[in-house]
N, C-alpha and C. Protein backbone atom coordinates (compact mmCIF):
# COMPACT_ATOMS: atom_id res chain seq x y z
N MET A 1 -9.43 16.73 23.76
CA MET A 1 -7.87 17.52 23.47
C MET A 1 -7.86 17.68 22.26
N LYS A 2 -6.69 18.50 21.94
CA LYS A 2 -6.52 18.78 20.83
C LYS A 2 -5.72 18.60 20.26
N ALA A 3 -6.53 18.30 18.58
CA ALA A 3 -5.54 17.33 17.37
C ALA A 3 -4.17 18.11 17.42
N THR A 4 -2.92 17.36 17.25
CA THR A 4 -1.43 17.67 17.55
C THR A 4 -0.97 17.11 15.91
N LYS A 5 -0.58 17.51 15.32
CA LYS A 5 -0.40 17.54 13.73
C LYS A 5 1.57 17.46 13.83
N TRP A 6 1.99 16.85 13.40
CA TRP A 6 3.89 16.51 12.96
C TRP A 6 4.03 17.95 12.37
N ASN A 7 5.06 18.35 12.96
CA ASN A 7 5.74 19.96 12.53
C ASN A 7 7.10 19.52 12.39
N HIS A 8 8.08 18.48 12.66
CA HIS A 8 9.19 18.21 12.21
C HIS A 8 9.58 17.39 11.39
N LYS A 9 10.97 18.11 10.34
CA LYS A 9 10.95 16.87 9.28
C LYS A 9 11.50 15.54 9.10
N ASP A 10 12.25 15.15 10.14
CA ASP A 10 12.36 13.72 10.95
C ASP A 10 11.99 13.48 12.51
N LEU A 11 12.23 12.18 12.26
CA LEU A 11 12.62 12.28 14.59
C LEU A 11 13.77 11.53 14.73
N LEU A 12 14.70 12.64 15.45
CA LEU A 12 16.24 11.73 15.82
C LEU A 12 15.85 11.29 17.65
N GLY A 13 14.83 12.15 18.24
CA GLY A 13 14.91 11.93 19.49
C GLY A 13 13.64 12.37 19.90
N ILE A 14 13.14 12.35 21.11
CA ILE A 14 12.00 12.40 21.80
C ILE A 14 12.12 13.65 22.99
N TRP A 15 13.10 14.45 22.94
CA TRP A 15 13.88 15.14 24.16
C TRP A 15 12.92 16.36 23.61
N GLU A 16 12.96 16.77 22.71
CA GLU A 16 12.55 18.36 22.02
C GLU A 16 10.74 17.92 21.87
N SER A 17 10.51 16.90 21.96
CA SER A 17 8.84 16.59 21.55
C SER A 17 8.13 17.34 22.88
N THR A 18 7.15 18.01 22.42
CA THR A 18 5.81 17.81 23.41
C THR A 18 5.46 16.71 24.25
N ALA A 19 4.54 16.67 25.11
CA ALA A 19 4.03 15.32 25.47
C ALA A 19 2.42 15.27 24.35
N ASP A 20 2.14 15.85 23.58
CA ASP A 20 1.66 15.96 22.52
C ASP A 20 1.61 15.59 21.39
N GLU A 21 3.03 15.53 21.13
CA GLU A 21 3.30 15.04 20.17
C GLU A 21 4.47 13.96 20.38
N ILE A 22 4.03 13.19 21.48
CA ILE A 22 4.45 11.97 22.02
C ILE A 22 3.20 11.12 21.33
N ARG A 23 2.58 11.82 22.25
CA ARG A 23 1.00 11.02 22.37
C ARG A 23 0.39 10.79 20.81
N HIS A 24 0.63 12.16 20.02
CA HIS A 24 0.68 11.86 18.27
C HIS A 24 1.36 10.61 17.69
N LEU A 25 2.45 10.65 17.68
CA LEU A 25 3.26 9.19 17.92
C LEU A 25 2.85 8.42 18.21
N LEU A 26 2.62 7.63 18.96
CA LEU A 26 1.96 6.88 19.85
C LEU A 26 0.98 6.51 19.10
N ASP A 27 0.01 7.44 18.61
CA ASP A 27 -1.28 6.34 18.41
C ASP A 27 -1.02 6.54 16.60
N THR A 28 -0.01 7.07 16.09
CA THR A 28 -0.35 6.91 15.15
C THR A 28 0.51 5.30 14.64
N ALA A 29 1.40 4.90 15.45
CA ALA A 29 1.97 3.78 15.95
C ALA A 29 1.22 3.18 15.96
N SER A 30 0.07 2.73 16.41
CA SER A 30 -0.93 2.31 16.93
C SER A 30 -2.02 2.16 15.75
N ALA A 31 -2.17 2.59 14.96
CA ALA A 31 -3.09 2.66 13.72
C ALA A 31 -1.48 1.94 12.98
N PHE A 32 -0.39 2.41 13.16
CA PHE A 32 -0.14 1.31 11.67
C PHE A 32 -0.23 -0.26 12.08
N LYS A 33 0.22 -0.62 13.57
CA LYS A 33 0.09 -2.15 14.09
C LYS A 33 -0.82 -2.51 13.51
N GLU A 34 -2.65 -1.59 13.45
CA GLU A 34 -3.86 -2.87 12.72
C GLU A 34 -3.47 -2.69 11.51
N VAL A 35 -2.49 -1.87 10.49
CA VAL A 35 -2.01 -2.10 9.28
C VAL A 35 -1.37 -3.79 9.02
N GLY A 36 -0.41 -3.48 9.62
CA GLY A 36 0.72 -4.67 9.78
C GLY A 36 -0.28 -5.76 9.85
N GLU A 37 -0.95 -6.28 10.81
CA GLU A 37 -2.13 -7.16 10.90
C GLU A 37 -3.01 -7.67 9.91
N ARG A 38 -3.44 -6.52 8.82
CA ARG A 38 -4.32 -6.71 7.66
C ARG A 38 -3.69 -7.89 6.38
N ALA A 39 -4.69 -8.47 6.15
CA ALA A 39 -3.87 -9.34 5.18
C ALA A 39 -3.26 -8.34 3.77
N VAL A 40 -4.24 -7.50 3.38
CA VAL A 40 -3.24 -6.56 2.64
C VAL A 40 -1.78 -5.67 3.41
N LYS A 41 -1.30 -5.22 3.05
CA LYS A 41 -0.26 -4.27 4.21
C LYS A 41 0.00 -2.77 3.13
N LYS A 42 -1.16 -2.24 2.55
CA LYS A 42 -0.58 -1.20 1.60
C LYS A 42 -1.42 -0.07 2.74
N VAL A 43 -0.95 1.03 2.65
CA VAL A 43 -1.82 2.05 3.55
C VAL A 43 -1.85 3.50 1.68
N GLN A 44 -2.71 3.64 1.73
CA GLN A 44 -2.90 4.69 0.58
C GLN A 44 -2.21 6.05 0.67
N SER A 45 -2.00 6.39 1.74
CA SER A 45 -1.44 7.46 2.06
C SER A 45 -0.01 7.57 1.87
N LEU A 46 0.34 6.58 1.95
CA LEU A 46 1.82 5.99 1.92
C LEU A 46 2.78 6.22 0.43
N ARG A 47 1.61 5.81 -0.36
CA ARG A 47 1.98 5.91 -1.96
C ARG A 47 2.92 6.59 -2.19
N GLY A 48 4.20 6.26 -3.04
CA GLY A 48 5.30 7.86 -3.60
C GLY A 48 5.79 7.61 -2.30
N GLN A 49 5.84 7.15 -1.28
CA GLN A 49 6.76 8.02 0.03
C GLN A 49 8.08 6.72 0.32
N THR A 50 8.74 7.04 1.15
CA THR A 50 10.07 6.72 1.67
C THR A 50 10.04 6.41 2.76
N MET A 51 9.40 4.81 3.84
CA MET A 51 10.14 5.55 4.69
C MET A 51 10.97 4.09 5.48
N VAL A 52 11.83 4.81 5.96
CA VAL A 52 13.13 3.94 6.36
C VAL A 52 13.48 3.95 8.03
N SER A 53 13.55 2.44 8.21
CA SER A 53 13.86 2.82 10.41
C SER A 53 15.74 2.19 10.32
N LEU A 54 16.06 3.11 11.07
CA LEU A 54 17.98 2.81 11.13
C LEU A 54 17.66 2.75 13.03
N LEU A 55 18.78 2.04 13.30
CA LEU A 55 18.71 1.77 14.68
C LEU A 55 20.31 1.32 14.74
N ILE A 56 20.99 2.78 15.88
CA ILE A 56 22.20 2.41 15.91
C ILE A 56 22.35 2.09 17.35
N GLU A 57 22.54 1.22 18.03
CA GLU A 57 22.99 1.33 19.49
C GLU A 57 23.87 0.18 19.38
N PRO A 58 24.10 -0.13 20.60
CA PRO A 58 25.27 -1.32 21.00
C PRO A 58 24.74 -2.51 20.49
N SER A 59 23.73 -2.89 20.59
CA SER A 59 22.11 -4.18 20.61
C SER A 59 22.44 -4.72 19.04
N THR A 60 22.14 -3.87 18.31
CA THR A 60 22.55 -3.82 16.97
C THR A 60 23.83 -4.33 16.42
N ALA A 61 24.34 -4.08 16.65
CA ALA A 61 26.52 -3.64 16.43
C ALA A 61 26.91 -6.12 16.21
N LEU A 62 27.75 -6.08 15.51
CA LEU A 62 27.70 -7.15 15.04
C LEU A 62 29.24 -7.14 15.96
N PRO A 63 29.40 -8.28 16.54
CA PRO A 63 30.31 -8.87 17.74
C PRO A 63 31.70 -8.71 17.11
N ARG A 64 32.55 -8.06 17.76
CA ARG A 64 34.23 -7.84 17.43
C ARG A 64 34.61 -9.04 17.96
N ALA A 65 35.48 -9.57 16.96
CA ALA A 65 36.00 -10.82 16.93
C ALA A 65 37.32 -11.07 18.10
């Protein structure tokens, strides 16, 4: 299988991604899961980078009074 590189600036959805790009994302997520299970959760390749998770969907909204 051919190695895939992420060529997008960001990820707002997967609808326009190829199957290889989605596999690449899942493989990357798997590697980061392993990092999360380590005693020291630092990744040298992310030094100086900012990672952000933003979830916008009804399940994350506060209930209205």
